[in-house]
Amino acid sequence: MLKQLATVIKGKIRREDILARYGGEEFAIVLPEIDANNAMQFAEKIRKLVEKAPFKFEDTKIAVTVSVGLATCRDSDDAASLIKRTDEKLYEAKGAGRNCTRA
Protein backbone atom coordinates (compact mmCIF):
# COMPACT_ATOMS: atom_id res chain seq x y z
CA MET A 1 0.00 0.00 0.00
CA LEU A 2 2.80 2.41 0.86
CA LYS A 3 4.45 1.88 -2.52
CA GLN A 4 1.17 2.51 -4.29
CA LEU A 5 0.58 5.62 -2.20
CA ALA A 6 4.05 6.95 -3.01
CA THR A 7 3.41 6.36 -6.70
CA VAL A 8 0.15 8.36 -6.60
CA ILE A 9 1.89 11.26 -4.86
CA LYS A 10 5.07 11.17 -6.99
CA GLY A 11 2.97 11.69 -10.08
CA LYS A 12 1.78 15.07 -8.79
CA ILE A 13 4.86 16.71 -7.29
CA ARG A 14 7.24 19.05 -9.07
CA ARG A 15 10.88 18.23 -9.81
CA GLU A 16 12.04 20.51 -6.99
CA ASP A 17 9.68 19.03 -4.38
CA ILE A 18 10.93 16.36 -2.01
CA LEU A 19 8.85 13.32 -1.04
CA ALA A 20 10.14 11.10 1.75
CA ARG A 21 8.77 8.39 3.97
CA TYR A 22 8.86 9.69 7.51
CA GLY A 23 8.02 7.03 10.04
CA GLY A 24 5.96 3.89 9.64
CA GLU A 25 2.97 5.15 7.66
CA GLU A 26 3.87 8.81 7.36
CA PHE A 27 5.24 10.74 4.43
CA ALA A 28 6.67 14.25 4.29
CA ILE A 29 6.64 16.52 1.28
CA VAL A 30 8.83 19.62 1.16
CA LEU A 31 7.45 22.25 -1.23
CA PRO A 32 10.08 24.95 -1.81
CA GLU A 33 8.89 28.39 -2.88
CA ILE A 34 5.21 27.66 -2.11
CA ASP A 35 3.13 29.93 0.13
CA ALA A 36 0.66 28.63 2.72
CA ASN A 37 -2.39 29.05 0.50
CA ASN A 38 -0.89 27.13 -2.41
CA ALA A 39 0.48 24.48 -0.08
CA MET A 40 -3.02 23.96 1.32
CA GLN A 41 -4.45 23.65 -2.19
CA PHE A 42 -1.75 21.12 -3.06
CA ALA A 43 -2.40 19.12 0.13
CA GLU A 44 -6.11 18.97 -0.62
CA LYS A 45 -5.40 17.90 -4.20
CA ILE A 46 -3.23 15.04 -2.95
CA ARG A 47 -5.81 14.05 -0.33
CA LYS A 48 -8.56 13.87 -2.95
CA LEU A 49 -6.37 11.97 -5.43
CA VAL A 50 -5.52 9.34 -2.83
CA GLU A 51 -9.17 9.01 -1.83
CA LYS A 52 -10.14 8.30 -5.46
CA ALA A 53 -7.13 6.18 -6.44
CA PRO A 54 -7.67 2.44 -6.99
CA PHE A 55 -5.60 0.66 -4.34
CA LYS A 56 -5.36 -3.11 -4.42
CA PHE A 57 -3.81 -5.80 -2.28
CA GLU A 58 -3.67 -9.10 -4.14
CA ASP A 59 -7.11 -9.02 -5.83
CA THR A 60 -8.88 -7.00 -3.17
CA LYS A 61 -9.70 -3.34 -3.71
CA ILE A 62 -8.96 -1.28 -0.59
CA ALA A 63 -10.20 2.20 0.24
CA VAL A 64 -7.28 4.42 1.27
CA THR A 65 -7.40 7.93 2.67
CA VAL A 66 -4.78 10.29 4.10
CA SER A 67 -4.72 12.86 6.85
CA VAL A 68 -2.50 15.86 6.16
CA GLY A 69 -0.71 18.15 8.60
CA LEU A 70 0.68 21.31 7.04
CA ALA A 71 3.12 23.90 8.35
CA THR A 72 5.04 26.62 6.55
CA CYS A 73 8.62 27.48 7.38
CA ARG A 74 9.23 30.61 9.44
CA ASP A 75 12.51 32.54 9.54
CA SER A 76 13.03 31.41 13.14
CA ASP A 77 12.40 27.72 12.37
CA ASP A 78 14.94 25.00 12.54
CA ALA A 79 14.09 21.56 11.15
CA ALA A 80 12.92 20.23 14.53
CA SER A 81 10.44 23.05 15.17
CA LEU A 82 9.00 22.81 11.65
CA ILE A 83 8.56 19.05 11.99
CA LYS A 84 6.98 19.48 15.43
CA ARG A 85 4.39 21.98 14.15
CA THR A 86 3.62 19.80 11.14
CA ASP A 87 3.23 16.73 13.35
CA GLU A 88 0.84 18.64 15.64
CA LYS A 89 -1.31 19.52 12.63
CA LEU A 90 -1.23 15.91 11.45
CA TYR A 91 -2.56 14.69 14.79
CA GLU A 92 -5.18 17.44 14.68
CA ALA A 93 -6.31 16.11 11.28
CA LYS A 94 -6.42 12.55 12.59
CA GLY A 95 -8.40 13.71 15.61
CA ALA A 96 -10.90 15.48 13.34
CA GLY A 97 -11.94 12.16 11.84
CA ARG A 98 -9.12 11.54 9.36
CA ASN A 99 -9.14 12.11 5.59
CA CYS A 100 -8.71 15.85 6.05
CA THR A 101 -6.07 18.58 6.02
CA ARG A 102 -5.11 20.87 8.89
CA ALA A 103 -2.77 23.85 8.74
PDB file of N, CA and C in Angstrom:
ATOM      1  N   MET A   1       0.814  -1.178   0.000  1.00  0.00           N
ATOM      2  CA  MET A   1       0.000   0.000   0.000  1.00  0.00           C
ATOM      3  C   MET A   1       0.871   1.260   0.000  1.00  0.00           C
ATOM      4  N   LEU A   2       1.939   1.231   0.793  1.00  0.00           N
ATOM      5  CA  LEU A   2       2.802   2.414   0.862  1.00  0.00           C
ATOM      6  C   LEU A   2       3.460   2.715  -0.475  1.00  0.00           C
ATOM      7  N   LYS A   3       3.860   1.672  -1.195  1.00  0.00           N
ATOM      8  CA  LYS A   3       4.454   1.885  -2.520  1.00  0.00           C
ATOM      9  C   LYS A   3       3.427   2.477  -3.481  1.00  0.00           C
ATOM     10  N   GLN A   4       2.211   1.977  -3.426  1.00  0.00           N
ATOM     11  CA  GLN A   4       1.166   2.509  -4.287  1.00  0.00           C
ATOM     12  C   GLN A   4       0.864   3.962  -3.933  1.00  0.00           C
ATOM     13  N   LEU A   5       0.826   4.257  -2.650  1.00  0.00           N
ATOM     14  CA  LEU A   5       0.581   5.623  -2.195  1.00  0.00           C
ATOM     15  C   LEU A   5       1.682   6.557  -2.689  1.00  0.00           C
ATOM     16  N   ALA A   6       2.922   6.129  -2.550  1.00  0.00           N
ATOM     17  CA  ALA A   6       4.050   6.945  -3.012  1.00  0.00           C
ATOM     18  C   ALA A   6       3.965   7.198  -4.514  1.00  0.00           C
ATOM     19  N   THR A   7       3.546   6.206  -5.257  1.00  0.00           N
ATOM     20  CA  THR A   7       3.408   6.360  -6.705  1.00  0.00           C
ATOM     21  C   THR A   7       2.342   7.399  -7.050  1.00  0.00           C
ATOM     22  N   VAL A   8       1.220   7.370  -6.364  1.00  0.00           N
ATOM     23  CA  VAL A   8       0.153   8.361  -6.595  1.00  0.00           C
ATOM     24  C   VAL A   8       0.684   9.768  -6.337  1.00  0.00           C
ATOM     25  N   ILE A   9       1.396   9.934  -5.231  1.00  0.00           N
ATOM     26  CA  ILE A   9       1.895  11.262  -4.860  1.00  0.00           C
ATOM     27  C   ILE A   9       3.015  11.712  -5.802  1.00  0.00           C
ATOM     28  N   LYS A  10       3.940  10.823  -6.111  1.00  0.00           N
ATOM     29  CA  LYS A  10       5.073  11.173  -6.987  1.00  0.00           C
ATOM     30  C   LYS A  10       4.610  11.729  -8.326  1.00  0.00           C
ATOM     31  N   GLY A  11       3.482  11.231  -8.794  1.00  0.00           N
ATOM     32  CA  GLY A  11       2.967  11.687 -10.078  1.00  0.00           C
ATOM     33  C   GLY A  11       2.462  13.120 -10.067  1.00  0.00           C
ATOM     34  N   LYS A  12       2.359  13.725  -8.892  1.00  0.00           N
ATOM     35  CA  LYS A  12       1.784  15.073  -8.789  1.00  0.00           C
ATOM     36  C   LYS A  12       2.740  16.123  -8.229  1.00  0.00           C
ATOM     37  N   ILE A  13       3.938  15.715  -7.824  1.00  0.00           N
ATOM     38  CA  ILE A  13       4.857  16.715  -7.286  1.00  0.00           C
ATOM     39  C   ILE A  13       5.779  17.252  -8.375  1.00  0.00           C
ATOM     40  N   ARG A  14       6.321  18.419  -8.126  1.00  0.00           N
ATOM     41  CA  ARG A  14       7.241  19.047  -9.072  1.00  0.00           C
ATOM     42  C   ARG A  14       8.641  18.459  -8.904  1.00  0.00           C
ATOM     43  N   ARG A  15       9.495  18.723  -9.849  1.00  0.00           N
ATOM     44  CA  ARG A  15      10.876  18.232  -9.811  1.00  0.00           C
ATOM     45  C   ARG A  15      11.596  18.722  -8.550  1.00  0.00           C
ATOM     46  N   GLU A  16      11.328  19.949  -8.138  1.00  0.00           N
ATOM     47  CA  GLU A  16      12.043  20.514  -6.988  1.00  0.00           C
ATOM     48  C   GLU A  16      11.451  20.116  -5.634  1.00  0.00           C
ATOM     49  N   ASP A  17      10.288  19.481  -5.626  1.00  0.00           N
ATOM     50  CA  ASP A  17       9.681  19.030  -4.375  1.00  0.00           C
ATOM     51  C   ASP A  17      10.368  17.763  -3.888  1.00  0.00           C
ATOM     52  N   ILE A  18      10.286  17.532  -2.601  1.00  0.00           N
ATOM     53  CA  ILE A  18      10.928  16.356  -2.009  1.00  0.00           C
ATOM     54  C   ILE A  18       9.872  15.528  -1.291  1.00  0.00           C
ATOM     55  N   LEU A  19       9.761  14.265  -1.680  1.00  0.00           N
ATOM     56  CA  LEU A  19       8.853  13.317  -1.042  1.00  0.00           C
ATOM     57  C   LEU A  19       9.699  12.299  -0.304  1.00  0.00           C
ATOM     58  N   ALA A  20       9.387  12.077   0.964  1.00  0.00           N
ATOM     59  CA  ALA A  20      10.142  11.097   1.752  1.00  0.00           C
ATOM     60  C   ALA A  20       9.210  10.378   2.715  1.00  0.00           C
ATOM     61  N   ARG A  21       9.491   9.120   2.940  1.00  0.00           N
ATOM     62  CA  ARG A  21       8.766   8.387   3.974  1.00  0.00           C
ATOM     63  C   ARG A  21       9.338   8.836   5.301  1.00  0.00           C
ATOM     64  N   TYR A  22       8.442   9.160   6.220  1.00  0.00           N
ATOM     65  CA  TYR A  22       8.860   9.688   7.512  1.00  0.00           C
ATOM     66  C   TYR A  22       8.109   8.910   8.578  1.00  0.00           C
ATOM     67  N   GLY A  23       8.708   7.857   9.068  1.00  0.00           N
ATOM     68  CA  GLY A  23       8.022   7.030  10.043  1.00  0.00           C
ATOM     69  C   GLY A  23       7.311   5.875   9.364  1.00  0.00           C
ATOM     70  N   GLY A  24       6.605   5.099  10.132  1.00  0.00           N
ATOM     71  CA  GLY A  24       5.958   3.893   9.635  1.00  0.00           C
ATOM     72  C   GLY A  24       5.004   4.108   8.485  1.00  0.00           C
ATOM     73  N   GLU A  25       3.985   4.916   8.691  1.00  0.00           N
ATOM     74  CA  GLU A  25       2.974   5.151   7.659  1.00  0.00           C
ATOM     75  C   GLU A  25       2.887   6.629   7.300  1.00  0.00           C
ATOM     76  N   GLU A  26       3.905   7.367   7.604  1.00  0.00           N
ATOM     77  CA  GLU A  26       3.872   8.806   7.360  1.00  0.00           C
ATOM     78  C   GLU A  26       4.839   9.191   6.254  1.00  0.00           C
ATOM     79  N   PHE A  27       4.410  10.170   5.471  1.00  0.00           N
ATOM     80  CA  PHE A  27       5.244  10.744   4.427  1.00  0.00           C
ATOM     81  C   PHE A  27       5.376  12.233   4.686  1.00  0.00           C
ATOM     82  N   ALA A  28       6.469  12.799   4.228  1.00  0.00           N
ATOM     83  CA  ALA A  28       6.669  14.246   4.289  1.00  0.00           C
ATOM     84  C   ALA A  28       6.931  14.732   2.872  1.00  0.00           C
ATOM     85  N   ILE A  29       6.381  15.896   2.574  1.00  0.00           N
ATOM     86  CA  ILE A  29       6.642  16.524   1.283  1.00  0.00           C
ATOM     87  C   ILE A  29       7.115  17.941   1.558  1.00  0.00           C
ATOM     88  N   VAL A  30       8.282  18.263   1.048  1.00  0.00           N
ATOM     89  CA  VAL A  30       8.825  19.615   1.160  1.00  0.00           C
ATOM     90  C   VAL A  30       8.520  20.320  -0.157  1.00  0.00           C
ATOM     91  N   LEU A  31       7.863  21.483  -0.046  1.00  0.00           N
ATOM     92  CA  LEU A  31       7.451  22.248  -1.229  1.00  0.00           C
ATOM     93  C   LEU A  31       8.154  23.599  -1.218  1.00  0.00           C
ATOM     94  N   PRO A  32       9.356  23.674  -1.792  1.00  0.00           N
ATOM     95  CA  PRO A  32      10.082  24.946  -1.806  1.00  0.00           C
ATOM     96  C   PRO A  32       9.333  26.003  -2.621  1.00  0.00           C
ATOM     97  N   GLU A  33       9.441  27.249  -2.156  1.00  0.00           N
ATOM     98  CA  GLU A  33       8.886  28.388  -2.884  1.00  0.00           C
ATOM     99  C   GLU A  33       7.365  28.341  -3.033  1.00  0.00           C
ATOM    100  N   ILE A  34       6.673  27.728  -2.086  1.00  0.00           N
ATOM    101  CA  ILE A  34       5.213  27.659  -2.108  1.00  0.00           C
ATOM    102  C   ILE A  34       4.682  28.350  -0.859  1.00  0.00           C
ATOM    103  N   ASP A  35       3.720  29.258  -1.037  1.00  0.00           N
ATOM    104  CA  ASP A  35       3.133  29.930   0.127  1.00  0.00           C
ATOM    105  C   ASP A  35       2.085  29.023   0.779  1.00  0.00           C
ATOM    106  N   ALA A  36       1.592  29.450   1.934  1.00  0.00           N
ATOM    107  CA  ALA A  36       0.665  28.630   2.718  1.00  0.00           C
ATOM    108  C   ALA A  36      -0.610  28.304   1.950  1.00  0.00           C
ATOM    109  N   ASN A  37      -1.155  29.273   1.239  1.00  0.00           N
ATOM    110  CA  ASN A  37      -2.390  29.054   0.498  1.00  0.00           C
ATOM    111  C   ASN A  37      -2.203  27.994  -0.590  1.00  0.00           C
ATOM    112  N   ASN A  38      -1.147  28.117  -1.364  1.00  0.00           N
ATOM    113  CA  ASN A  38      -0.891  27.134  -2.414  1.00  0.00           C
ATOM    114  C   ASN A  38      -0.514  25.765  -1.852  1.00  0.00           C
ATOM    115  N   ALA A  39       0.155  25.750  -0.727  1.00  0.00           N
ATOM    116  CA  ALA A  39       0.484  24.477  -0.079  1.00  0.00           C
ATOM    117  C   ALA A  39      -0.791  23.768   0.372  1.00  0.00           C
ATOM    118  N   MET A  40      -1.745  24.541   0.896  1.00  0.00           N
ATOM    119  CA  MET A  40      -3.019  23.957   1.324  1.00  0.00           C
ATOM    120  C   MET A  40      -3.786  23.411   0.119  1.00  0.00           C
ATOM    121  N   GLN A  41      -3.783  24.133  -0.973  1.00  0.00           N
ATOM    122  CA  GLN A  41      -4.448  23.646  -2.190  1.00  0.00           C
ATOM    123  C   GLN A  41      -3.794  22.357  -2.687  1.00  0.00           C
ATOM    124  N   PHE A  42      -2.471  22.323  -2.648  1.00  0.00           N
ATOM    125  CA  PHE A  42      -1.749  21.124  -3.060  1.00  0.00           C
ATOM    126  C   PHE A  42      -2.089  19.943  -2.140  1.00  0.00           C
ATOM    127  N   ALA A  43      -2.094  20.182  -0.839  1.00  0.00           N
ATOM    128  CA  ALA A  43      -2.396  19.122   0.126  1.00  0.00           C
ATOM    129  C   ALA A  43      -3.792  18.553  -0.108  1.00  0.00           C
ATOM    130  N   GLU A  44      -4.750  19.421  -0.353  1.00  0.00           N
ATOM    131  CA  GLU A  44      -6.113  18.974  -0.621  1.00  0.00           C
ATOM    132  C   GLU A  44      -6.187  18.189  -1.930  1.00  0.00           C
ATOM    133  N   LYS A  45      -5.444  18.614  -2.920  1.00  0.00           N
ATOM    134  CA  LYS A  45      -5.400  17.899  -4.202  1.00  0.00           C
ATOM    135  C   LYS A  45      -4.877  16.481  -3.993  1.00  0.00           C
ATOM    136  N   ILE A  46      -3.797  16.359  -3.242  1.00  0.00           N
ATOM    137  CA  ILE A  46      -3.226  15.038  -2.947  1.00  0.00           C
ATOM    138  C   ILE A  46      -4.218  14.188  -2.161  1.00  0.00           C
ATOM    139  N   ARG A  47      -4.839  14.784  -1.157  1.00  0.00           N
ATOM    140  CA  ARG A  47      -5.809  14.050  -0.331  1.00  0.00           C
ATOM    141  C   ARG A  47      -6.938  13.491  -1.189  1.00  0.00           C
ATOM    142  N   LYS A  48      -7.458  14.303  -2.087  1.00  0.00           N
ATOM    143  CA  LYS A  48      -8.562  13.865  -2.949  1.00  0.00           C
ATOM    144  C   LYS A  48      -8.108  12.810  -3.962  1.00  0.00           C
ATOM    145  N   LEU A  49      -6.904  12.967  -4.490  1.00  0.00           N
ATOM    146  CA  LEU A  49      -6.374  11.972  -5.431  1.00  0.00           C
ATOM    147  C   LEU A  49      -6.228  10.604  -4.768  1.00  0.00           C
ATOM    148  N   VAL A  50      -5.705  10.605  -3.553  1.00  0.00           N
ATOM    149  CA  VAL A  50      -5.524   9.343  -2.829  1.00  0.00           C
ATOM    150  C   VAL A  50      -6.878   8.704  -2.549  1.00  0.00           C
ATOM    151  N   GLU A  51      -7.832   9.513  -2.137  1.00  0.00           N
ATOM    152  CA  GLU A  51      -9.172   9.006  -1.826  1.00  0.00           C
ATOM    153  C   GLU A  51      -9.815   8.321  -3.041  1.00  0.00           C
ATOM    154  N   LYS A  52      -9.532   8.836  -4.239  1.00  0.00           N
ATOM    155  CA  LYS A  52     -10.143   8.302  -5.459  1.00  0.00           C
ATOM    156  C   LYS A  52      -9.287   7.235  -6.158  1.00  0.00           C
ATOM    157  N   ALA A  53      -8.042   7.109  -5.770  1.00  0.00           N
ATOM    158  CA  ALA A  53      -7.126   6.180  -6.441  1.00  0.00           C
ATOM    159  C   ALA A  53      -7.516   4.729  -6.165  1.00  0.00           C
ATOM    160  N   PRO A  54      -7.343   3.860  -7.162  1.00  0.00           N
ATOM    161  CA  PRO A  54      -7.671   2.439  -6.988  1.00  0.00           C
ATOM    162  C   PRO A  54      -6.518   1.674  -6.331  1.00  0.00           C
ATOM    163  N   PHE A  55      -6.615   1.438  -5.057  1.00  0.00           N
ATOM    164  CA  PHE A  55      -5.602   0.664  -4.338  1.00  0.00           C
ATOM    165  C   PHE A  55      -6.045  -0.792  -4.278  1.00  0.00           C
ATOM    166  N   LYS A  56      -5.063  -1.688  -4.472  1.00  0.00           N
ATOM    167  CA  LYS A  56      -5.357  -3.114  -4.417  1.00  0.00           C
ATOM    168  C   LYS A  56      -4.291  -3.842  -3.629  1.00  0.00           C
ATOM    169  N   PHE A  57      -4.725  -4.858  -2.915  1.00  0.00           N
ATOM    170  CA  PHE A  57      -3.811  -5.799  -2.279  1.00  0.00           C
ATOM    171  C   PHE A  57      -4.242  -7.170  -2.746  1.00  0.00           C
ATOM    172  N   GLU A  58      -3.334  -7.857  -3.447  1.00  0.00           N
ATOM    173  CA  GLU A  58      -3.671  -9.097  -4.141  1.00  0.00           C
ATOM    174  C   GLU A  58      -4.831  -8.758  -5.075  1.00  0.00           C
ATOM    175  N   ASP A  59      -5.986  -9.355  -4.936  1.00  0.00           N
ATOM    176  CA  ASP A  59      -7.106  -9.024  -5.830  1.00  0.00           C
ATOM    177  C   ASP A  59      -8.202  -8.245  -5.112  1.00  0.00           C
ATOM    178  N   THR A  60      -7.885  -7.705  -3.957  1.00  0.00           N
ATOM    179  CA  THR A  60      -8.882  -7.000  -3.171  1.00  0.00           C
ATOM    180  C   THR A  60      -8.680  -5.496  -3.276  1.00  0.00           C
ATOM    181  N   LYS A  61      -9.743  -4.798  -3.649  1.00  0.00           N
ATOM    182  CA  LYS A  61      -9.705  -3.341  -3.709  1.00  0.00           C
ATOM    183  C   LYS A  61      -9.836  -2.797  -2.284  1.00  0.00           C
ATOM    184  N   ILE A  62      -8.987  -1.827  -1.947  1.00  0.00           N
ATOM    185  CA  ILE A  62      -8.962  -1.281  -0.593  1.00  0.00           C
ATOM    186  C   ILE A  62      -9.120   0.236  -0.656  1.00  0.00           C
ATOM    187  N   ALA A  63     -10.020   0.759   0.159  1.00  0.00           N
ATOM    188  CA  ALA A  63     -10.204   2.205   0.241  1.00  0.00           C
ATOM    189  C   ALA A  63      -9.075   2.790   1.095  1.00  0.00           C
ATOM    190  N   VAL A  64      -8.390   3.791   0.565  1.00  0.00           N
ATOM    191  CA  VAL A  64      -7.277   4.424   1.267  1.00  0.00           C
ATOM    192  C   VAL A  64      -7.543   5.925   1.344  1.00  0.00           C
ATOM    193  N   THR A  65      -7.311   6.484   2.502  1.00  0.00           N
ATOM    194  CA  THR A  65      -7.399   7.933   2.672  1.00  0.00           C
ATOM    195  C   THR A  65      -6.152   8.409   3.412  1.00  0.00           C
ATOM    196  N   VAL A  66      -5.905   9.716   3.376  1.00  0.00           N
ATOM    197  CA  VAL A  66      -4.782  10.291   4.103  1.00  0.00           C
ATOM    198  C   VAL A  66      -5.249  11.471   4.934  1.00  0.00           C
ATOM    199  N   SER A  67      -4.570  11.659   6.035  1.00  0.00           N
ATOM    200  CA  SER A  67      -4.723  12.862   6.845  1.00  0.00           C
ATOM    201  C   SER A  67      -3.466  13.687   6.621  1.00  0.00           C
ATOM    202  N   VAL A  68      -3.631  15.006   6.501  1.00  0.00           N
ATOM    203  CA  VAL A  68      -2.501  15.861   6.163  1.00  0.00           C
ATOM    204  C   VAL A  68      -2.328  16.940   7.227  1.00  0.00           C
ATOM    205  N   GLY A  69      -1.098  17.054   7.725  1.00  0.00           N
ATOM    206  CA  GLY A  69      -0.713  18.148   8.596  1.00  0.00           C
ATOM    207  C   GLY A  69       0.206  19.065   7.813  1.00  0.00           C
ATOM    208  N   LEU A  70      -0.036  20.354   7.873  1.00  0.00           N
ATOM    209  CA  LEU A  70       0.682  21.306   7.044  1.00  0.00           C
ATOM    210  C   LEU A  70       1.237  22.434   7.897  1.00  0.00           C
ATOM    211  N   ALA A  71       2.500  22.747   7.681  1.00  0.00           N
ATOM    212  CA  ALA A  71       3.118  23.902   8.346  1.00  0.00           C
ATOM    213  C   ALA A  71       4.052  24.570   7.351  1.00  0.00           C
ATOM    214  N   THR A  72       4.117  25.888   7.411  1.00  0.00           N
ATOM    215  CA  THR A  72       5.044  26.617   6.552  1.00  0.00           C
ATOM    216  C   THR A  72       6.243  27.050   7.382  1.00  0.00           C
ATOM    217  N   CYS A  73       7.366  27.150   6.718  1.00  0.00           N
ATOM    218  CA  CYS A  73       8.621  27.479   7.379  1.00  0.00           C
ATOM    219  C   CYS A  73       8.666  28.961   7.736  1.00  0.00           C
ATOM    220  N   ARG A  74       9.032  29.237   8.964  1.00  0.00           N
ATOM    221  CA  ARG A  74       9.229  30.609   9.439  1.00  0.00           C
ATOM    222  C   ARG A  74      10.728  30.900   9.496  1.00  0.00           C
ATOM    223  N   ASP A  75      11.093  32.167   9.476  1.00  0.00           N
ATOM    224  CA  ASP A  75      12.506  32.537   9.543  1.00  0.00           C
ATOM    225  C   ASP A  75      13.193  31.971  10.788  1.00  0.00           C
ATOM    226  N   SER A  76      12.440  31.875  11.878  1.00  0.00           N
ATOM    227  CA  SER A  76      13.026  31.406  13.136  1.00  0.00           C
ATOM    228  C   SER A  76      13.045  29.885  13.261  1.00  0.00           C
ATOM    229  N   ASP A  77      12.488  29.174  12.291  1.00  0.00           N
ATOM    230  CA  ASP A  77      12.396  27.718  12.369  1.00  0.00           C
ATOM    231  C   ASP A  77      13.727  27.024  12.131  1.00  0.00           C
ATOM    232  N   ASP A  78      13.941  25.985  12.913  1.00  0.00           N
ATOM    233  CA  ASP A  78      14.940  24.996  12.541  1.00  0.00           C
ATOM    234  C   ASP A  78      14.136  23.768  12.121  1.00  0.00           C
ATOM    235  N   ALA A  79      14.792  22.744  11.657  1.00  0.00           N
ATOM    236  CA  ALA A  79      14.087  21.564  11.153  1.00  0.00           C
ATOM    237  C   ALA A  79      13.187  20.952  12.228  1.00  0.00           C
ATOM    238  N   ALA A  80      13.682  20.867  13.450  1.00  0.00           N
ATOM    239  CA  ALA A  80      12.923  20.228  14.532  1.00  0.00           C
ATOM    240  C   ALA A  80      11.618  20.969  14.835  1.00  0.00           C
ATOM    241  N   SER A  81      11.665  22.296  14.861  1.00  0.00           N
ATOM    242  CA  SER A  81      10.438  23.046  15.172  1.00  0.00           C
ATOM    243  C   SER A  81       9.430  22.966  14.027  1.00  0.00           C
ATOM    244  N   LEU A  82       9.897  22.957  12.796  1.00  0.00           N
ATOM    245  CA  LEU A  82       8.997  22.814  11.652  1.00  0.00           C
ATOM    246  C   LEU A  82       8.327  21.439  11.664  1.00  0.00           C
ATOM    247  N   ILE A  83       9.100  20.410  11.919  1.00  0.00           N
ATOM    248  CA  ILE A  83       8.555  19.054  11.987  1.00  0.00           C
ATOM    249  C   ILE A  83       7.564  18.934  13.136  1.00  0.00           C
ATOM    250  N   LYS A  84       7.875  19.541  14.268  1.00  0.00           N
ATOM    251  CA  LYS A  84       6.980  19.480  15.426  1.00  0.00           C
ATOM    252  C   LYS A  84       5.631  20.123  15.111  1.00  0.00           C
ATOM    253  N   ARG A  85       5.646  21.299  14.491  1.00  0.00           N
ATOM    254  CA  ARG A  85       4.386  21.975  14.145  1.00  0.00           C
ATOM    255  C   ARG A  85       3.589  21.176  13.112  1.00  0.00           C
ATOM    256  N   THR A  86       4.288  20.606  12.155  1.00  0.00           N
ATOM    257  CA  THR A  86       3.622  19.796  11.143  1.00  0.00           C
ATOM    258  C   THR A  86       2.994  18.563  11.772  1.00  0.00           C
ATOM    259  N   ASP A  87       3.726  17.917  12.657  1.00  0.00           N
ATOM    260  CA  ASP A  87       3.228  16.729  13.352  1.00  0.00           C
ATOM    261  C   ASP A  87       1.996  17.061  14.193  1.00  0.00           C
ATOM    262  N   GLU A  88       2.007  18.213  14.853  1.00  0.00           N
ATOM    263  CA  GLU A  88       0.838  18.635  15.643  1.00  0.00           C
ATOM    264  C   GLU A  88      -0.390  18.786  14.746  1.00  0.00           C
ATOM    265  N   LYS A  89      -0.198  19.346  13.561  1.00  0.00           N
ATOM    266  CA  LYS A  89      -1.310  19.516  12.627  1.00  0.00           C
ATOM    267  C   LYS A  89      -1.780  18.166  12.085  1.00  0.00           C
ATOM    268  N   LEU A  90      -0.858  17.241  11.890  1.00  0.00           N
ATOM    269  CA  LEU A  90      -1.232  15.908  11.448  1.00  0.00           C
ATOM    270  C   LEU A  90      -2.130  15.239  12.488  1.00  0.00           C
ATOM    271  N   TYR A  91      -1.751  15.307  13.747  1.00  0.00           N
ATOM    272  CA  TYR A  91      -2.563  14.693  14.793  1.00  0.00           C
ATOM    273  C   TYR A  91      -3.895  15.409  14.962  1.00  0.00           C
ATOM    274  N   GLU A  92      -3.923  16.700  14.678  1.00  0.00           N
ATOM    275  CA  GLU A  92      -5.184  17.444  14.677  1.00  0.00           C
ATOM    276  C   GLU A  92      -6.097  16.906  13.563  1.00  0.00           C
ATOM    277  N   ALA A  93      -5.536  16.661  12.392  1.00  0.00           N
ATOM    278  CA  ALA A  93      -6.311  16.110  11.276  1.00  0.00           C
ATOM    279  C   ALA A  93      -6.827  14.713  11.614  1.00  0.00           C
ATOM    280  N   LYS A  94      -5.990  13.890  12.200  1.00  0.00           N
ATOM    281  CA  LYS A  94      -6.418  12.551  12.585  1.00  0.00           C
ATOM    282  C   LYS A  94      -7.525  12.618  13.631  1.00  0.00           C
ATOM    283  N   GLY A  95      -7.390  13.546  14.573  1.00  0.00           N
ATOM    284  CA  GLY A  95      -8.403  13.714  15.614  1.00  0.00           C
ATOM    285  C   GLY A  95      -9.721  14.250  15.086  1.00  0.00           C
ATOM    286  N   ALA A  96      -9.691  14.901  13.936  1.00  0.00           N
ATOM    287  CA  ALA A  96     -10.898  15.475  13.342  1.00  0.00           C
ATOM    288  C   ALA A  96     -11.657  14.437  12.518  1.00  0.00           C
ATOM    289  N   GLY A  97     -11.224  13.215  12.553  1.00  0.00           N
ATOM    290  CA  GLY A  97     -11.942  12.158  11.844  1.00  0.00           C
ATOM    291  C   GLY A  97     -11.189  11.595  10.662  1.00  0.00           C
ATOM    292  N   ARG A  98      -9.966  12.026  10.449  1.00  0.00           N
ATOM    293  CA  ARG A  98      -9.123  11.540   9.356  1.00  0.00           C
ATOM    294  C   ARG A  98      -9.621  12.003   7.997  1.00  0.00           C
ATOM    295  N   ASN A  99      -8.833  11.707   6.977  1.00  0.00           N
ATOM    296  CA  ASN A  99      -9.138  12.113   5.595  1.00  0.00           C
ATOM    297  C   ASN A  99      -9.428  13.609   5.496  1.00  0.00           C
ATOM    298  N   CYS A 100      -8.568  14.409   6.122  1.00  0.00           N
ATOM    299  CA  CYS A 100      -8.715  15.854   6.052  1.00  0.00           C
ATOM    300  C   CYS A 100      -7.339  16.503   6.165  1.00  0.00           C
ATOM    301  N   THR A 101      -7.327  17.808   5.969  1.00  0.00           N
ATOM    302  CA  THR A 101      -6.074  18.580   6.020  1.00  0.00           C
ATOM    303  C   THR A 101      -6.199  19.650   7.092  1.00  0.00           C
ATOM    304  N   ARG A 102      -5.147  19.815   7.876  1.00  0.00           N
ATOM    305  CA  ARG A 102      -5.106  20.873   8.893  1.00  0.00           C
ATOM    306  C   ARG A 102      -3.815  21.642   8.760  1.00  0.00           C
ATOM    307  N   ALA A 103      -3.936  22.977   8.839  1.00  0.00           N
ATOM    308  CA  ALA A 103      -2.772  23.848   8.740  1.00  0.00           C
ATOM    309  C   ALA A 103      -2.777  24.847   9.885  1.00  0.00           C
TER     310      ALA A 103
END
